[in-house]
Amino acid sequence: MRVRKESAINQKDRQVATLANSLAHPVRVALVRYLMNKNCGKGVDNITCNKDLVELFPYSQSTISQHVKILKEAGVFLTEEREKYTFYEVNPKLFSLIKTLLS
């Protein structure tokens, strides 16, 4: 019978891996950088509509939506529904960490 070793991987390791994975594509990095630069992550002005994000790239709406979905699931983007649009902003809790990584 084998003795099971405790994992050296903790919750913080998992969070860093999730964040790294969410930034593992140049389009996702560009999306985050765009929102971060829009107003340095402060106030209502940094919230961007989904159609604005689609207009940034020569990709289809569904492709951009898939990238945004990954960022949302990782907690990088926060969303707000207003009428028929979804608005996005960079999660302020992750803002400084992401800013350090992308600068």
PDB file of N, CA and C in Angstrom:
ATOM      1  N   MET A   1       0.830  -1.176   0.000  1.00  0.00           N
ATOM      2  CA  MET A   1       0.000   0.000   0.000  1.00  0.00           C
ATOM      3  C   MET A   1       0.882   1.250   0.000  1.00  0.00           C
ATOM      4  N   ARG A   2       0.557   2.157  -0.910  1.00  0.00           N
ATOM      5  CA  ARG A   2       1.305   3.407  -1.003  1.00  0.00           C
ATOM      6  C   ARG A   2       0.742   4.455  -0.059  1.00  0.00           C
ATOM      7  N   VAL A   3       1.632   5.238   0.499  1.00  0.00           N
ATOM      8  CA  VAL A   3       1.236   6.364   1.331  1.00  0.00           C
ATOM      9  C   VAL A   3       1.112   7.580   0.419  1.00  0.00           C
ATOM     10  N   ARG A   4      -0.010   8.218   0.496  1.00  0.00           N
ATOM     11  CA  ARG A   4      -0.254   9.390  -0.341  1.00  0.00           C
ATOM     12  C   ARG A   4       0.442  10.605   0.257  1.00  0.00           C
ATOM     13  N   LYS A   5       1.240  11.260  -0.572  1.00  0.00           N
ATOM     14  CA  LYS A   5       1.940  12.460  -0.126  1.00  0.00           C
ATOM     15  C   LYS A   5       1.017  13.658  -0.224  1.00  0.00           C
ATOM     16  N   GLU A   6       1.208  14.586   0.692  1.00  0.00           N
ATOM     17  CA  GLU A   6       0.456  15.834   0.600  1.00  0.00           C
ATOM     18  C   GLU A   6       0.997  16.646  -0.563  1.00  0.00           C
ATOM     19  N   SER A   7       0.112  17.289  -1.249  1.00  0.00           N
ATOM     20  CA  SER A   7       0.504  18.102  -2.390  1.00  0.00           C
ATOM     21  C   SER A   7       1.210  19.370  -1.936  1.00  0.00           C
ATOM     22  N   ALA A   8       2.263  19.709  -2.649  1.00  0.00           N
ATOM     23  CA  ALA A   8       2.971  20.955  -2.375  1.00  0.00           C
ATOM     24  C   ALA A   8       2.270  22.133  -3.043  1.00  0.00           C
ATOM     25  N   ILE A   9       1.227  21.844  -3.795  1.00  0.00           N
ATOM     26  CA  ILE A   9       0.480  22.879  -4.503  1.00  0.00           C
ATOM     27  C   ILE A   9      -0.595  23.436  -3.584  1.00  0.00           C
ATOM     28  N   ASN A  10      -0.581  24.736  -3.377  1.00  0.00           N
ATOM     29  CA  ASN A  10      -1.590  25.339  -2.513  1.00  0.00           C
ATOM     30  C   ASN A  10      -2.566  26.178  -3.341  1.00  0.00           C
ATOM     31  N   GLN A  11      -3.513  26.807  -2.677  1.00  0.00           N
ATOM     32  CA  GLN A  11      -4.556  27.588  -3.361  1.00  0.00           C
ATOM     33  C   GLN A  11      -3.971  28.760  -4.134  1.00  0.00           C
ATOM     34  N   LYS A  12      -2.971  29.407  -3.559  1.00  0.00           N
ATOM     35  CA  LYS A  12      -2.346  30.538  -4.246  1.00  0.00           C
ATOM     36  C   LYS A  12      -1.677  30.072  -5.547  1.00  0.00           C
ATOM     37  N   ASP A  13      -1.039  28.906  -5.523  1.00  0.00           N
ATOM     38  CA  ASP A  13      -0.437  28.347  -6.736  1.00  0.00           C
ATOM     39  C   ASP A  13      -1.499  28.145  -7.809  1.00  0.00           C
ATOM     40  N   ARG A  14      -2.637  27.657  -7.403  1.00  0.00           N
ATOM     41  CA  ARG A  14      -3.729  27.434  -8.359  1.00  0.00           C
ATOM     42  C   ARG A  14      -4.252  28.753  -8.927  1.00  0.00           C
ATOM     43  N   GLN A  15      -4.339  29.774  -8.081  1.00  0.00           N
ATOM     44  CA  GLN A  15      -4.805  31.084  -8.542  1.00  0.00           C
ATOM     45  C   GLN A  15      -3.834  31.704  -9.541  1.00  0.00           C
ATOM     46  N   VAL A  16      -2.542  31.594  -9.255  1.00  0.00           N
ATOM     47  CA  VAL A  16      -1.536  32.125 -10.170  1.00  0.00           C
ATOM     48  C   VAL A  16      -1.588  31.368 -11.497  1.00  0.00           C
ATOM     49  N   ALA A  17      -1.748  30.049 -11.453  1.00  0.00           N
ATOM     50  CA  ALA A  17      -1.835  29.257 -12.683  1.00  0.00           C
ATOM     51  C   ALA A  17      -3.076  29.627 -13.491  1.00  0.00           C
ATOM     52  N   THR A  18      -4.197  29.840 -12.814  1.00  0.00           N
ATOM     53  CA  THR A  18      -5.425  30.244 -13.503  1.00  0.00           C
ATOM     54  C   THR A  18      -5.239  31.602 -14.168  1.00  0.00           C
ATOM     55  N   LEU A  19      -4.634  32.540 -13.454  1.00  0.00           N
ATOM     56  CA  LEU A  19      -4.373  33.863 -14.019  1.00  0.00           C
ATOM     57  C   LEU A  19      -3.425  33.754 -15.209  1.00  0.00           C
ATOM     58  N   ALA A  20      -2.361  32.987 -15.056  1.00  0.00           N
ATOM     59  CA  ALA A  20      -1.400  32.825 -16.148  1.00  0.00           C
ATOM     60  C   ALA A  20      -2.063  32.202 -17.371  1.00  0.00           C
ATOM     61  N   ASN A  21      -2.888  31.208 -17.152  1.00  0.00           N
ATOM     62  CA  ASN A  21      -3.587  30.569 -18.263  1.00  0.00           C
ATOM     63  C   ASN A  21      -4.528  31.551 -18.954  1.00  0.00           C
ATOM     64  N   SER A  22      -5.190  32.389 -18.173  1.00  0.00           N
ATOM     65  CA  SER A  22      -6.124  33.346 -18.773  1.00  0.00           C
ATOM     66  C   SER A  22      -5.402  34.384 -19.623  1.00  0.00           C
ATOM     67  N   LEU A  23      -4.124  34.609 -19.358  1.00  0.00           N
ATOM     68  CA  LEU A  23      -3.332  35.575 -20.119  1.00  0.00           C
ATOM     69  C   LEU A  23      -2.427  34.897 -21.146  1.00  0.00           C
ATOM     70  N   ALA A  24      -2.700  33.635 -21.440  1.00  0.00           N
ATOM     71  CA  ALA A  24      -1.818  32.847 -22.307  1.00  0.00           C
ATOM     72  C   ALA A  24      -2.098  33.016 -23.798  1.00  0.00           C
ATOM     73  N   HIS A  25      -2.834  34.024 -24.166  1.00  0.00           N
ATOM     74  CA  HIS A  25      -3.099  34.289 -25.587  1.00  0.00           C
ATOM     75  C   HIS A  25      -2.936  35.786 -25.829  1.00  0.00           C
ATOM     76  N   PRO A  26      -2.279  36.182 -26.929  1.00  0.00           N
ATOM     77  CA  PRO A  26      -2.046  37.606 -27.176  1.00  0.00           C
ATOM     78  C   PRO A  26      -3.320  38.450 -27.246  1.00  0.00           C
ATOM     79  N   VAL A  27      -4.413  37.896 -27.734  1.00  0.00           N
ATOM     80  CA  VAL A  27      -5.666  38.664 -27.793  1.00  0.00           C
ATOM     81  C   VAL A  27      -6.167  38.956 -26.380  1.00  0.00           C
ATOM     82  N   ARG A  28      -6.067  37.988 -25.491  1.00  0.00           N
ATOM     83  CA  ARG A  28      -6.520  38.212 -24.110  1.00  0.00           C
ATOM     84  C   ARG A  28      -5.625  39.232 -23.413  1.00  0.00           C
ATOM     85  N   VAL A  29      -4.327  39.166 -23.658  1.00  0.00           N
ATOM     86  CA  VAL A  29      -3.416  40.163 -23.091  1.00  0.00           C
ATOM     87  C   VAL A  29      -3.789  41.548 -23.604  1.00  0.00           C
ATOM     88  N   ALA A  30      -4.066  41.653 -24.900  1.00  0.00           N
ATOM     89  CA  ALA A  30      -4.445  42.942 -25.487  1.00  0.00           C
ATOM     90  C   ALA A  30      -5.768  43.456 -24.918  1.00  0.00           C
ATOM     91  N   LEU A  31      -6.718  42.567 -24.699  1.00  0.00           N
ATOM     92  CA  LEU A  31      -7.994  42.966 -24.107  1.00  0.00           C
ATOM     93  C   LEU A  31      -7.791  43.537 -22.709  1.00  0.00           C
ATOM     94  N   VAL A  32      -6.999  42.853 -21.908  1.00  0.00           N
ATOM     95  CA  VAL A  32      -6.728  43.318 -20.546  1.00  0.00           C
ATOM     96  C   VAL A  32      -5.977  44.645 -20.586  1.00  0.00           C
ATOM     97  N   ARG A  33      -4.961  44.721 -21.441  1.00  0.00           N
ATOM     98  CA  ARG A  33      -4.179  45.952 -21.538  1.00  0.00           C
ATOM     99  C   ARG A  33      -5.086  47.131 -21.958  1.00  0.00           C
ATOM    100  N   TYR A  34      -5.985  46.900 -22.888  1.00  0.00           N
ATOM    101  CA  TYR A  34      -6.902  47.949 -23.333  1.00  0.00           C
ATOM    102  C   TYR A  34      -7.738  48.480 -22.170  1.00  0.00           C
ATOM    103  N   LEU A  35      -8.338  47.568 -21.404  1.00  0.00           N
ATOM    104  CA  LEU A  35      -9.175  48.018 -20.281  1.00  0.00           C
ATOM    105  C   LEU A  35      -8.351  48.676 -19.187  1.00  0.00           C
ATOM    106  N   MET A  36      -7.143  48.164 -18.965  1.00  0.00           N
ATOM    107  CA  MET A  36      -6.290  48.759 -17.935  1.00  0.00           C
ATOM    108  C   MET A  36      -5.866  50.174 -18.321  1.00  0.00           C
ATOM    109  N   ASN A  37      -5.561  50.376 -19.584  1.00  0.00           N
ATOM    110  CA  ASN A  37      -5.108  51.687 -20.047  1.00  0.00           C
ATOM    111  C   ASN A  37      -6.244  52.685 -20.229  1.00  0.00           C
ATOM    112  N   LYS A  38      -7.457  52.173 -20.318  1.00  0.00           N
ATOM    113  CA  LYS A  38      -8.591  53.060 -20.584  1.00  0.00           C
ATOM    114  C   LYS A  38      -8.734  54.138 -19.518  1.00  0.00           C
ATOM    115  N   ASN A  39      -8.614  53.732 -18.254  1.00  0.00           N
ATOM    116  CA  ASN A  39      -8.681  54.725 -17.187  1.00  0.00           C
ATOM    117  C   ASN A  39      -7.996  54.215 -15.928  1.00  0.00           C
ATOM    118  N   CYS A  40      -6.951  53.467 -16.115  1.00  0.00           N
ATOM    119  CA  CYS A  40      -6.156  52.946 -15.000  1.00  0.00           C
ATOM    120  C   CYS A  40      -6.977  52.173 -13.983  1.00  0.00           C
ATOM    121  N   GLY A  41      -8.067  51.555 -14.420  1.00  0.00           N
ATOM    122  CA  GLY A  41      -8.853  50.704 -13.549  1.00  0.00           C
ATOM    123  C   GLY A  41      -9.655  51.410 -12.489  1.00  0.00           C
ATOM    124  N   LYS A  42      -9.899  52.704 -12.646  1.00  0.00           N
ATOM    125  CA  LYS A  42     -10.619  53.439 -11.610  1.00  0.00           C
ATOM    126  C   LYS A  42     -11.854  54.100 -12.191  1.00  0.00           C
ATOM    127  N   GLY A  43     -12.935  53.974 -11.515  1.00  0.00           N
ATOM    128  CA  GLY A  43     -14.142  54.702 -11.878  1.00  0.00           C
ATOM    129  C   GLY A  43     -14.943  54.054 -12.995  1.00  0.00           C
ATOM    130  N   VAL A  44     -16.067  54.675 -13.280  1.00  0.00           N
ATOM    131  CA  VAL A  44     -17.016  54.158 -14.258  1.00  0.00           C
ATOM    132  C   VAL A  44     -16.455  54.199 -15.673  1.00  0.00           C
ATOM    133  N   ASP A  45     -15.560  55.124 -15.973  1.00  0.00           N
ATOM    134  CA  ASP A  45     -15.044  55.289 -17.330  1.00  0.00           C
ATOM    135  C   ASP A  45     -14.237  54.100 -17.828  1.00  0.00           C
ATOM    136  N   ASN A  46     -13.785  53.219 -16.940  1.00  0.00           N
ATOM    137  CA  ASN A  46     -13.006  52.078 -17.408  1.00  0.00           C
ATOM    138  C   ASN A  46     -13.897  50.910 -17.814  1.00  0.00           C
ATOM    139  N   ILE A  47     -15.204  51.052 -17.697  1.00  0.00           N
ATOM    140  CA  ILE A  47     -16.129  49.996 -18.093  1.00  0.00           C
ATOM    141  C   ILE A  47     -16.376  50.113 -19.593  1.00  0.00           C
ATOM    142  N   THR A  48     -16.221  49.004 -20.295  1.00  0.00           N
ATOM    143  CA  THR A  48     -16.320  48.990 -21.744  1.00  0.00           C
ATOM    144  C   THR A  48     -17.382  48.004 -22.194  1.00  0.00           C
ATOM    145  N   CYS A  49     -18.123  48.390 -23.185  1.00  0.00           N
ATOM    146  CA  CYS A  49     -19.175  47.556 -23.758  1.00  0.00           C
ATOM    147  C   CYS A  49     -18.557  46.455 -24.620  1.00  0.00           C
ATOM    148  N   ASN A  50     -19.250  45.321 -24.699  1.00  0.00           N
ATOM    149  CA  ASN A  50     -18.755  44.203 -25.492  1.00  0.00           C
ATOM    150  C   ASN A  50     -18.539  44.573 -26.952  1.00  0.00           C
ATOM    151  N   LYS A  51     -19.399  45.381 -27.521  1.00  0.00           N
ATOM    152  CA  LYS A  51     -19.241  45.752 -28.937  1.00  0.00           C
ATOM    153  C   LYS A  51     -17.980  46.580 -29.146  1.00  0.00           C
ATOM    154  N   ASP A  52     -17.571  47.367 -28.156  1.00  0.00           N
ATOM    155  CA  ASP A  52     -16.328  48.128 -28.249  1.00  0.00           C
ATOM    156  C   ASP A  52     -15.120  47.198 -28.304  1.00  0.00           C
ATOM    157  N   LEU A  53     -15.170  46.128 -27.532  1.00  0.00           N
ATOM    158  CA  LEU A  53     -14.073  45.158 -27.541  1.00  0.00           C
ATOM    159  C   LEU A  53     -13.967  44.463 -28.891  1.00  0.00           C
ATOM    160  N   VAL A  54     -15.103  44.122 -29.469  1.00  0.00           N
ATOM    161  CA  VAL A  54     -15.119  43.437 -30.768  1.00  0.00           C
ATOM    162  C   VAL A  54     -14.514  44.339 -31.848  1.00  0.00           C
ATOM    163  N   GLU A  55     -14.769  45.630 -31.760  1.00  0.00           N
ATOM    164  CA  GLU A  55     -14.268  46.568 -32.765  1.00  0.00           C
ATOM    165  C   GLU A  55     -12.749  46.749 -32.718  1.00  0.00           C
ATOM    166  N   LEU A  56     -12.104  46.314 -31.650  1.00  0.00           N
ATOM    167  CA  LEU A  56     -10.654  46.466 -31.516  1.00  0.00           C
ATOM    168  C   LEU A  56      -9.867  45.511 -32.402  1.00  0.00           C
ATOM    169  N   PHE A  57     -10.463  44.390 -32.763  1.00  0.00           N
ATOM    170  CA  PHE A  57      -9.719  43.313 -33.411  1.00  0.00           C
ATOM    171  C   PHE A  57     -10.353  42.882 -34.725  1.00  0.00           C
ATOM    172  N   PRO A  58      -9.547  42.314 -35.616  1.00  0.00           N
ATOM    173  CA  PRO A  58     -10.080  41.798 -36.875  1.00  0.00           C
ATOM    174  C   PRO A  58     -10.610  40.372 -36.724  1.00  0.00           C
ATOM    175  N   TYR A  59     -11.264  40.096 -35.606  1.00  0.00           N
ATOM    176  CA  TYR A  59     -11.817  38.771 -35.339  1.00  0.00           C
ATOM    177  C   TYR A  59     -13.330  38.875 -35.176  1.00  0.00           C
ATOM    178  N   SER A  60     -13.986  37.754 -35.290  1.00  0.00           N
ATOM    179  CA  SER A  60     -15.439  37.734 -35.158  1.00  0.00           C
ATOM    180  C   SER A  60     -15.853  37.992 -33.710  1.00  0.00           C
ATOM    181  N   GLN A  61     -17.110  38.355 -33.556  1.00  0.00           N
ATOM    182  CA  GLN A  61     -17.667  38.590 -32.224  1.00  0.00           C
ATOM    183  C   GLN A  61     -17.567  37.332 -31.382  1.00  0.00           C
ATOM    184  N   SER A  62     -17.803  36.168 -31.982  1.00  0.00           N
ATOM    185  CA  SER A  62     -17.763  34.920 -31.210  1.00  0.00           C
ATOM    186  C   SER A  62     -16.347  34.597 -30.727  1.00  0.00           C
ATOM    187  N   THR A  63     -15.342  34.931 -31.522  1.00  0.00           N
ATOM    188  CA  THR A  63     -13.958  34.698 -31.109  1.00  0.00           C
ATOM    189  C   THR A  63     -13.605  35.585 -29.920  1.00  0.00           C
ATOM    190  N   ILE A  64     -13.963  36.854 -30.004  1.00  0.00           N
ATOM    191  CA  ILE A  64     -13.690  37.771 -28.893  1.00  0.00           C
ATOM    192  C   ILE A  64     -14.474  37.333 -27.653  1.00  0.00           C
ATOM    193  N   SER A  65     -15.696  36.892 -27.841  1.00  0.00           N
ATOM    194  CA  SER A  65     -16.513  36.428 -26.714  1.00  0.00           C
ATOM    195  C   SER A  65     -15.867  35.241 -26.009  1.00  0.00           C
ATOM    196  N   GLN A  66     -15.259  34.344 -26.756  1.00  0.00           N
ATOM    197  CA  GLN A  66     -14.578  33.187 -26.147  1.00  0.00           C
ATOM    198  C   GLN A  66     -13.403  33.650 -25.294  1.00  0.00           C
ATOM    199  N   HIS A  67     -12.646  34.618 -25.803  1.00  0.00           N
ATOM    200  CA  HIS A  67     -11.519  35.144 -25.023  1.00  0.00           C
ATOM    201  C   HIS A  67     -12.008  35.861 -23.775  1.00  0.00           C
ATOM    202  N   VAL A  68     -13.052  36.647 -23.910  1.00  0.00           N
ATOM    203  CA  VAL A  68     -13.620  37.353 -22.763  1.00  0.00           C
ATOM    204  C   VAL A  68     -14.146  36.356 -21.727  1.00  0.00           C
ATOM    205  N   LYS A  69     -14.758  35.282 -22.187  1.00  0.00           N
ATOM    206  CA  LYS A  69     -15.277  34.253 -21.281  1.00  0.00           C
ATOM    207  C   LYS A  69     -14.157  33.675 -20.419  1.00  0.00           C
ATOM    208  N   ILE A  70     -13.019  33.407 -21.016  1.00  0.00           N
ATOM    209  CA  ILE A  70     -11.877  32.866 -20.268  1.00  0.00           C
ATOM    210  C   ILE A  70     -11.407  33.875 -19.227  1.00  0.00           C
ATOM    211  N   LEU A  71     -11.357  35.143 -19.597  1.00  0.00           N
ATOM    212  CA  LEU A  71     -10.946  36.178 -18.649  1.00  0.00           C
ATOM    213  C   LEU A  71     -11.956  36.336 -17.519  1.00  0.00           C
ATOM    214  N   LYS A  72     -13.235  36.229 -17.830  1.00  0.00           N
ATOM    215  CA  LYS A  72     -14.280  36.302 -16.798  1.00  0.00           C
ATOM    216  C   LYS A  72     -14.166  35.117 -15.840  1.00  0.00           C
ATOM    217  N   GLU A  73     -14.010  33.922 -16.387  1.00  0.00           N
ATOM    218  CA  GLU A  73     -13.928  32.723 -15.541  1.00  0.00           C
ATOM    219  C   GLU A  73     -12.715  32.753 -14.614  1.00  0.00           C
ATOM    220  N   ALA A  74     -11.647  33.396 -15.047  1.00  0.00           N
ATOM    221  CA  ALA A  74     -10.443  33.513 -14.217  1.00  0.00           C
ATOM    222  C   ALA A  74     -10.556  34.643 -13.204  1.00  0.00           C
ATOM    223  N   GLY A  75     -11.632  35.439 -13.313  1.00  0.00           N
ATOM    224  CA  GLY A  75     -11.822  36.549 -12.393  1.00  0.00           C
ATOM    225  C   GLY A  75     -11.100  37.814 -12.794  1.00  0.00           C
ATOM    226  N   VAL A  76     -10.526  37.844 -13.999  1.00  0.00           N
ATOM    227  CA  VAL A  76      -9.810  39.025 -14.473  1.00  0.00           C
ATOM    228  C   VAL A  76     -10.788  40.122 -14.857  1.00  0.00           C
ATOM    229  N   PHE A  77     -11.862  39.758 -15.546  1.00  0.00           N
ATOM    230  CA  PHE A  77     -12.884  40.717 -15.946  1.00  0.00           C
ATOM    231  C   PHE A  77     -14.104  40.579 -15.056  1.00  0.00           C
ATOM    232  N   LEU A  78     -14.654  41.699 -14.661  1.00  0.00           N
ATOM    233  CA  LEU A  78     -15.942  41.752 -13.995  1.00  0.00           C
ATOM    234  C   LEU A  78     -16.943  42.260 -15.018  1.00  0.00           C
ATOM    235  N   THR A  79     -18.192  41.835 -14.898  1.00  0.00           N
ATOM    236  CA  THR A  79     -19.195  42.234 -15.879  1.00  0.00           C
ATOM    237  C   THR A  79     -20.377  42.922 -15.214  1.00  0.00           C
ATOM    238  N   GLU A  80     -21.045  43.721 -16.031  1.00  0.00           N
ATOM    239  CA  GLU A  80     -22.267  44.391 -15.597  1.00  0.00           C
ATOM    240  C   GLU A  80     -23.222  44.404 -16.784  1.00  0.00           C
ATOM    241  N   GLU A  81     -24.419  43.933 -16.564  1.00  0.00           N
ATOM    242  CA  GLU A  81     -25.436  43.920 -17.622  1.00  0.00           C
ATOM    243  C   GLU A  81     -26.220  45.222 -17.571  1.00  0.00           C
ATOM    244  N   ARG A  82     -26.324  45.874 -18.732  1.00  0.00           N
ATOM    245  CA  ARG A  82     -27.132  47.090 -18.864  1.00  0.00           C
ATOM    246  C   ARG A  82     -27.919  46.976 -20.157  1.00  0.00           C
ATOM    247  N   GLU A  83     -29.211  46.902 -20.002  1.00  0.00           N
ATOM    248  CA  GLU A  83     -30.112  46.740 -21.150  1.00  0.00           C
ATOM    249  C   GLU A  83     -29.644  45.584 -22.013  1.00  0.00           C
ATOM    250  N   LYS A  84     -29.322  45.822 -23.285  1.00  0.00           N
ATOM    251  CA  LYS A  84     -28.954  44.710 -24.157  1.00  0.00           C
ATOM    252  C   LYS A  84     -27.447  44.505 -24.261  1.00  0.00           C
ATOM    253  N   TYR A  85     -26.660  45.238 -23.497  1.00  0.00           N
ATOM    254  CA  TYR A  85     -25.204  45.151 -23.578  1.00  0.00           C
ATOM    255  C   TYR A  85     -24.604  44.617 -22.288  1.00  0.00           C
ATOM    256  N   THR A  86     -23.437  44.028 -22.426  1.00  0.00           N
ATOM    257  CA  THR A  86     -22.628  43.620 -21.289  1.00  0.00           C
ATOM    258  C   THR A  86     -21.411  44.532 -21.259  1.00  0.00           C
ATOM    259  N   PHE A  87     -21.103  45.040 -20.078  1.00  0.00           N
ATOM    260  CA  PHE A  87     -19.954  45.918 -19.909  1.00  0.00           C
ATOM    261  C   PHE A  87     -18.899  45.205 -19.079  1.00  0.00           C
ATOM    262  N   TYR A  88     -17.643  45.484 -19.379  1.00  0.00           N
ATOM    263  CA  TYR A  88     -16.521  44.805 -18.735  1.00  0.00           C
ATOM    264  C   TYR A  88     -15.584  45.804 -18.096  1.00  0.00           C
ATOM    265  N   GLU A  89     -14.946  45.355 -17.027  1.00  0.00           N
ATOM    266  CA  GLU A  89     -13.877  46.108 -16.402  1.00  0.00           C
ATOM    267  C   GLU A  89     -12.891  45.115 -15.805  1.00  0.00           C
ATOM    268  N   VAL A  90     -11.654  45.569 -15.620  1.00  0.00           N
ATOM    269  CA  VAL A  90     -10.647  44.738 -14.989  1.00  0.00           C
ATOM    270  C   VAL A  90     -10.959  44.665 -13.496  1.00  0.00           C
ATOM    271  N   ASN A  91     -10.886  43.462 -12.949  1.00  0.00           N
ATOM    272  CA  ASN A  91     -11.132  43.255 -11.521  1.00  0.00           C
ATOM    273  C   ASN A  91     -10.112  44.059 -10.718  1.00  0.00           C
ATOM    274  N   PRO A  92     -10.584  45.011  -9.906  1.00  0.00           N
ATOM    275  CA  PRO A  92      -9.643  45.855  -9.166  1.00  0.00           C
ATOM    276  C   PRO A  92      -8.740  45.079  -8.211  1.00  0.00           C
ATOM    277  N   LYS A  93      -9.193  43.932  -7.722  1.00  0.00           N
ATOM    278  CA  LYS A  93      -8.358  43.129  -6.823  1.00  0.00           C
ATOM    279  C   LYS A  93      -7.151  42.542  -7.553  1.00  0.00           C
ATOM    280  N   LEU A  94      -7.303  42.273  -8.833  1.00  0.00           N
ATOM    281  CA  LEU A  94      -6.199  41.722  -9.618  1.00  0.00           C
ATOM    282  C   LEU A  94      -5.438  42.785 -10.392  1.00  0.00           C
ATOM    283  N   PHE A  95      -5.956  44.013 -10.372  1.00  0.00           N
ATOM    284  CA  PHE A  95      -5.413  45.072 -11.213  1.00  0.00           C
ATOM    285  C   PHE A  95      -3.918  45.283 -11.006  1.00  0.00           C
ATOM    286  N   SER A  96      -3.476  45.433  -9.765  1.00  0.00           N
ATOM    287  CA  SER A  96      -2.064  45.736  -9.533  1.00  0.00           C
ATOM    288  C   SER A  96      -1.166  44.565  -9.915  1.00  0.00           C
ATOM    289  N   LEU A  97      -1.607  43.345  -9.657  1.00  0.00           N
ATOM    290  CA  LEU A  97      -0.820  42.180 -10.052  1.00  0.00           C
ATOM    291  C   LEU A  97      -0.695  42.095 -11.571  1.00  0.00           C
ATOM    292  N   ILE A  98      -1.813  42.272 -12.263  1.00  0.00           N
ATOM    293  CA  ILE A  98      -1.803  42.216 -13.727  1.00  0.00           C
ATOM    294  C   ILE A  98      -0.975  43.364 -14.292  1.00  0.00           C
ATOM    295  N   LYS A  99      -1.109  44.532 -13.703  1.00  0.00           N
ATOM    296  CA  LYS A  99      -0.337  45.694 -14.161  1.00  0.00           C
ATOM    297  C   LYS A  99       1.158  45.408 -14.067  1.00  0.00           C
ATOM    298  N   THR A 100       1.577  44.793 -12.987  1.00  0.00           N
ATOM    299  CA  THR A 100       2.977  44.433 -12.821  1.00  0.00           C
ATOM    300  C   THR A 100       3.411  43.425 -13.879  1.00  0.00           C
ATOM    301  N   LEU A 101       2.574  42.448 -14.133  1.00  0.00           N
ATOM    302  CA  LEU A 101       2.915  41.423 -15.114  1.00  0.00           C
ATOM    303  C   LEU A 101       2.967  41.963 -16.545  1.00  0.00           C
ATOM    304  N   LEU A 102       2.107  42.917 -16.881  1.00  0.00           N
ATOM    305  CA  LEU A 102       2.005  43.405 -18.256  1.00  0.00           C
ATOM    306  C   LEU A 102       2.853  44.642 -18.528  1.00  0.00           C
ATOM    307  N   SER A 103       3.481  45.212 -17.521  1.00  0.00           N
ATOM    308  CA  SER A 103       4.264  46.427 -17.778  1.00  0.00           C
ATOM    309  C   SER A 103       5.719  46.114 -18.078  1.00  0.00           C
TER     310      SER A 103
END
